[in-house]
Amino acid sequence: MENQVDILQCKSCAAPLSGVYCGQCGQKVIQRRITIRAIFEDIFNQISNVDHGLIYTFFMLFKKPDQVVLDYLAGKTIKYSSPFRYLIFWTAVAALIYIGFGFYDQQAAGMADMIQQSENQKANEFATLYNDLMKQYFQLVSILYIPFFAIFTRFFFKKFGLNYAEHLVANAYFNAQASIVFMPVLFLNLNMDWITMLSMLIMVLYYTYAIHKLFKQGWIAAFFKVVLIYFVSILLFSLVVSIALVPFVFLQKQ
């Protein structure tokens, strides 16, 4: 009788059960004891579920980026990796590659060569500390681009009726996917100037494709809007970050 009560009631909240999951708290109905086999089955199920969503989302964002976004916004989320989990995962991979293989340091050195060193020692120290902070928080910085892109995609495509949060979802998917496309370029035998140019070009081209699909824009219109969105977003982001980091940089110096 006790076992029957356990099966008919949720073990977490004691609500009546009518399926595999509790309708009150979401607890899965588990009727077996924990065993080593059960542990490994659970691990396998978790990994396979995550991988399925990640892989499916990866291919669909190439094939039908508009469907991924519109499905997710319509609540059809079970097939896809969530936009922000997808973004965090791929920006983490990008950070490991970009920093771990020394590409960030190469790019920073190239930019330093392009810009004449200031005679002002404090300005040089600020630039060095700023660069170190950007490297340290590379993944966070990559993610913080998204709200700025969303501001301008909403501005240019406001008539399509998506709110700001929905534009955040679209941009999270698109930014992550553009980063994936760009990563193989890092391993080509190119100098960092070319790699930087290619990264911008890949971002613009993938966004053009995604915007063309999602907002039913003509290719030319989509391209020029994306170029404008890209550079205005980067400019605004850089300005805000520079202002925000001024006190933090000088606190680091103390």
Protein backbone atom coordinates (compact mmCIF):
# COMPACT_ATOMS: atom_id res chain seq x y z
CA MET A 1 0.00 0.00 0.00
CA GLU A 2 2.84 2.40 0.83
CA ASN A 3 4.51 1.78 -2.54
CA GLN A 4 1.21 2.42 -4.31
CA VAL A 5 0.82 5.76 -2.48
CA ASP A 6 4.39 6.70 -3.45
CA ILE A 7 3.60 6.00 -7.10
CA LEU A 8 0.29 7.91 -7.05
CA GLN A 9 1.80 10.95 -5.32
CA CYS A 10 4.79 13.07 -6.28
CA LYS A 11 7.72 12.34 -3.99
CA SER A 12 8.71 16.02 -3.98
CA CYS A 13 5.42 17.85 -3.44
CA ALA A 14 2.87 15.03 -2.82
CA ALA A 15 0.66 16.24 -5.69
CA PRO A 16 -1.42 13.56 -7.51
CA LEU A 17 0.38 12.05 -10.50
CA SER A 18 -1.14 11.50 -13.91
CA GLY A 19 1.90 10.98 -16.12
CA VAL A 20 5.67 10.61 -16.30
CA TYR A 21 6.20 14.09 -14.78
CA CYS A 22 4.46 15.85 -11.91
CA GLY A 23 2.11 18.50 -13.21
CA GLN A 24 2.71 20.62 -10.10
CA CYS A 25 6.51 20.77 -9.73
CA GLY A 26 7.87 18.94 -12.78
CA GLN A 27 9.51 16.11 -10.82
CA LYS A 28 10.06 13.00 -12.96
CA VAL A 29 8.38 9.86 -11.63
CA ILE A 30 11.15 7.52 -10.45
CA GLN A 31 10.05 4.14 -9.18
CA ARG A 32 13.41 2.38 -9.00
CA ARG A 33 16.30 2.53 -6.57
CA ILE A 34 19.45 4.38 -7.56
CA THR A 35 22.04 1.97 -8.98
CA ILE A 36 25.35 2.37 -10.83
CA ARG A 37 23.57 1.44 -14.05
CA ALA A 38 20.87 4.04 -13.37
CA ILE A 39 23.54 6.71 -12.80
CA PHE A 40 25.27 5.97 -16.12
CA GLU A 41 21.95 5.86 -17.95
CA ASP A 42 21.06 9.26 -16.52
CA ILE A 43 24.44 10.72 -17.55
CA PHE A 44 24.06 9.31 -21.06
CA ASN A 45 20.52 10.66 -21.38
CA GLN A 46 21.57 14.13 -20.24
CA ILE A 47 24.52 14.25 -22.64
CA SER A 48 22.58 12.88 -25.60
CA ASN A 49 19.70 15.31 -25.02
CA VAL A 50 22.05 18.31 -24.84
CA ASP A 51 24.02 17.16 -27.88
CA HIS A 52 20.89 16.55 -29.90
CA GLY A 53 19.62 20.07 -29.24
CA LEU A 54 23.01 21.63 -29.88
CA ILE A 55 23.66 19.74 -33.11
CA TYR A 56 20.13 20.23 -34.43
CA THR A 57 20.27 23.96 -33.68
CA PHE A 58 23.70 24.19 -35.32
CA PHE A 59 22.49 22.74 -38.63
CA MET A 60 19.14 24.51 -38.60
CA LEU A 61 20.79 27.91 -38.11
CA PHE A 62 22.55 27.30 -41.42
CA LYS A 63 19.56 25.80 -43.18
CA LYS A 64 16.61 27.79 -41.79
CA PRO A 65 17.68 30.44 -39.25
CA ASP A 66 14.27 32.07 -39.51
CA GLN A 67 12.51 28.85 -38.51
CA VAL A 68 14.76 28.41 -35.45
CA VAL A 69 13.95 31.90 -34.19
CA LEU A 70 10.24 31.80 -35.01
CA ASP A 71 9.82 28.30 -33.55
CA TYR A 72 11.55 29.32 -30.35
CA LEU A 73 9.46 32.50 -30.04
CA ALA A 74 6.31 30.44 -30.65
CA GLY A 75 7.19 28.14 -27.74
CA LYS A 76 8.42 25.19 -29.85
CA THR A 77 11.63 24.95 -27.84
CA ILE A 78 12.13 21.24 -27.20
CA LYS A 79 14.07 20.61 -30.43
CA TYR A 80 16.51 23.48 -29.95
CA SER A 81 19.26 24.53 -27.64
CA SER A 82 18.09 27.70 -25.88
CA PRO A 83 19.55 30.85 -27.49
CA PHE A 84 21.56 31.97 -24.50
CA ARG A 85 22.86 28.50 -23.65
CA TYR A 86 23.86 28.20 -27.31
CA LEU A 87 25.57 31.59 -27.19
CA ILE A 88 27.40 30.89 -23.92
CA PHE A 89 28.62 27.52 -25.18
CA TRP A 90 30.03 28.81 -28.46
CA THR A 91 31.53 31.98 -27.02
CA ALA A 92 33.31 29.78 -24.47
CA VAL A 93 34.69 27.64 -27.30
CA ALA A 94 35.70 30.78 -29.21
CA ALA A 95 37.42 32.21 -26.14
CA LEU A 96 39.39 28.99 -25.59
CA ILE A 97 40.57 28.98 -29.20
CA TYR A 98 41.12 32.71 -29.59
CA ILE A 99 43.04 33.16 -26.36
CA GLY A 100 44.45 29.66 -25.87
CA PHE A 101 46.15 29.61 -29.27
CA GLY A 102 47.50 33.14 -28.87
CA PHE A 103 45.36 34.79 -31.56
CA TYR A 104 44.18 37.52 -29.19
CA ASP A 105 47.75 38.47 -28.27
CA GLN A 106 48.71 38.58 -31.95
CA GLN A 107 45.79 40.84 -32.77
CA ALA A 108 46.54 43.12 -29.80
CA ALA A 109 50.18 43.38 -30.86
CA GLY A 110 49.15 44.21 -34.41
CA MET A 111 46.83 46.95 -33.24
CA ALA A 112 49.57 48.36 -31.03
CA ASP A 113 51.87 48.58 -34.04
CA MET A 114 49.20 50.39 -36.06
CA ILE A 115 48.62 52.99 -33.35
CA GLN A 116 51.53 55.19 -32.43
CA GLN A 117 52.38 54.98 -28.76
CA SER A 118 51.34 58.06 -26.85
CA GLU A 119 53.99 60.10 -25.07
CA ASN A 120 51.62 60.22 -22.15
CA GLN A 121 52.69 57.41 -19.81
CA LYS A 122 49.31 57.27 -18.06
CA ALA A 123 47.55 56.87 -21.41
CA ASN A 124 49.84 53.98 -22.33
CA GLU A 125 49.25 52.34 -18.96
CA PHE A 126 45.50 52.75 -19.41
CA ALA A 127 45.67 51.13 -22.87
CA THR A 128 47.66 48.19 -21.51
CA LEU A 129 45.33 47.61 -18.58
CA TYR A 130 42.28 48.02 -20.80
CA ASN A 131 43.61 45.39 -23.19
CA ASP A 132 44.33 43.01 -20.31
CA LEU A 133 40.79 43.41 -18.98
CA MET A 134 39.27 42.81 -22.41
CA LYS A 135 41.32 39.62 -22.67
CA GLN A 136 40.40 38.49 -19.16
CA TYR A 137 36.67 38.99 -19.79
CA PHE A 138 36.70 37.99 -23.47
CA GLN A 139 33.63 35.75 -23.25
CA LEU A 140 31.63 38.29 -21.25
CA VAL A 141 32.56 41.04 -23.71
CA SER A 142 31.48 38.82 -26.61
CA ILE A 143 28.09 38.27 -24.97
CA LEU A 144 27.61 41.94 -24.09
CA TYR A 145 27.66 42.82 -27.79
CA ILE A 146 24.25 41.21 -28.16
CA PRO A 147 22.07 43.87 -26.46
CA PHE A 148 23.60 46.53 -28.72
CA PHE A 149 22.89 44.54 -31.87
CA ALA A 150 19.35 43.97 -30.63
CA ILE A 151 18.78 47.73 -30.21
CA PHE A 152 19.50 48.35 -33.87
CA THR A 153 17.90 45.25 -35.38
CA ARG A 154 14.71 46.27 -33.57
CA PHE A 155 15.06 49.83 -34.84
CA PHE A 156 15.53 48.79 -38.48
CA PHE A 157 12.95 45.99 -38.43
CA LYS A 158 10.40 47.41 -35.99
CA LYS A 159 7.49 46.95 -38.40
CA PHE A 160 7.84 43.17 -38.11
CA GLY A 161 6.43 43.35 -34.59
CA LEU A 162 9.14 41.66 -32.54
CA ASN A 163 9.83 43.23 -29.15
CA TYR A 164 13.31 43.90 -27.78
CA ALA A 165 13.53 40.60 -25.89
CA GLU A 166 12.64 38.71 -29.07
CA HIS A 167 15.37 40.55 -30.92
CA LEU A 168 17.77 39.48 -28.16
CA VAL A 169 16.85 35.86 -28.88
CA ALA A 170 17.43 36.25 -32.62
CA ASN A 171 20.74 38.03 -32.10
CA ALA A 172 21.96 35.46 -29.58
CA TYR A 173 21.45 32.71 -32.15
CA PHE A 174 22.89 34.69 -35.06
CA ASN A 175 25.94 35.98 -33.19
CA ALA A 176 26.81 32.52 -31.90
CA GLN A 177 26.47 31.01 -35.37
CA ALA A 178 28.64 33.70 -36.95
CA SER A 179 31.32 32.93 -34.35
CA ILE A 180 31.22 29.26 -35.32
CA VAL A 181 31.68 30.09 -39.01
CA PHE A 182 34.61 32.34 -38.19
CA MET A 183 36.59 29.94 -35.99
CA PRO A 184 38.18 27.84 -38.79
CA VAL A 185 39.57 31.05 -40.34
CA LEU A 186 41.82 31.48 -37.30
CA PHE A 187 43.83 28.43 -38.32
CA LEU A 188 44.55 29.64 -41.83
CA ASN A 189 48.08 30.86 -42.45
CA LEU A 190 47.09 34.53 -42.51
CA ASN A 191 48.27 37.60 -40.66
CA MET A 192 45.95 39.07 -38.07
CA ASP A 193 44.96 42.03 -40.27
CA TRP A 194 43.42 39.63 -42.77
CA ILE A 195 41.85 37.54 -40.02
CA THR A 196 40.26 40.66 -38.50
CA MET A 197 38.87 41.69 -41.88
CA LEU A 198 37.57 38.18 -42.55
CA SER A 199 35.91 38.04 -39.14
CA MET A 200 33.98 41.22 -39.91
CA LEU A 201 33.09 39.98 -43.39
CA ILE A 202 31.85 36.61 -42.10
CA MET A 203 29.76 38.29 -39.42
CA VAL A 204 28.18 40.61 -41.99
CA LEU A 205 27.55 37.85 -44.54
CA TYR A 206 25.96 35.43 -42.09
CA TYR A 207 23.82 38.20 -40.58
CA THR A 208 22.78 39.26 -44.09
CA TYR A 209 21.65 35.70 -44.81
CA ALA A 210 19.81 35.41 -41.47
CA ILE A 211 18.15 38.83 -41.76
CA HIS A 212 17.16 38.06 -45.36
CA LYS A 213 15.44 34.87 -44.15
CA LEU A 214 13.88 36.16 -40.93
CA PHE A 215 12.63 39.57 -42.05
CA LYS A 216 12.09 38.72 -45.74
CA GLN A 217 14.50 41.44 -46.83
CA GLY A 218 16.04 41.68 -50.29
CA TRP A 219 19.71 40.68 -50.35
CA ILE A 220 21.02 44.18 -51.08
CA ALA A 221 18.80 45.89 -48.50
CA ALA A 222 19.69 43.25 -45.92
CA PHE A 223 23.42 43.64 -46.62
CA PHE A 224 23.53 47.41 -46.23
CA LYS A 225 21.33 47.38 -43.14
CA VAL A 226 23.55 44.73 -41.54
CA VAL A 227 26.72 46.70 -42.33
CA LEU A 228 25.19 49.77 -40.71
CA ILE A 229 23.92 47.78 -37.71
CA TYR A 230 27.31 46.10 -37.26
CA PHE A 231 29.42 49.24 -37.24
CA VAL A 232 27.00 51.40 -35.23
CA SER A 233 26.61 48.62 -32.65
CA ILE A 234 30.38 48.15 -32.32
CA LEU A 235 30.89 51.91 -32.05
CA LEU A 236 28.25 52.33 -29.34
CA PHE A 237 29.44 49.25 -27.48
CA SER A 238 33.07 50.42 -27.53
CA LEU A 239 32.08 53.87 -26.30
CA VAL A 240 29.97 52.51 -23.42
CA VAL A 241 32.59 49.94 -22.39
CA SER A 242 35.41 52.49 -22.52
CA ILE A 243 33.49 54.88 -20.27
CA ALA A 244 32.45 52.09 -17.89
CA LEU A 245 35.97 50.69 -17.59
CA VAL A 246 37.77 53.98 -16.87
CA PRO A 247 37.25 53.84 -13.08
CA PHE A 248 37.76 50.08 -13.00
CA VAL A 249 41.06 50.31 -14.87
CA PHE A 250 42.43 52.92 -12.50
CA LEU A 251 41.25 50.91 -9.49
CA GLN A 252 43.18 47.94 -10.88
CA LYS A 253 46.23 50.15 -11.02
CA GLN A 254 46.10 50.96 -7.30
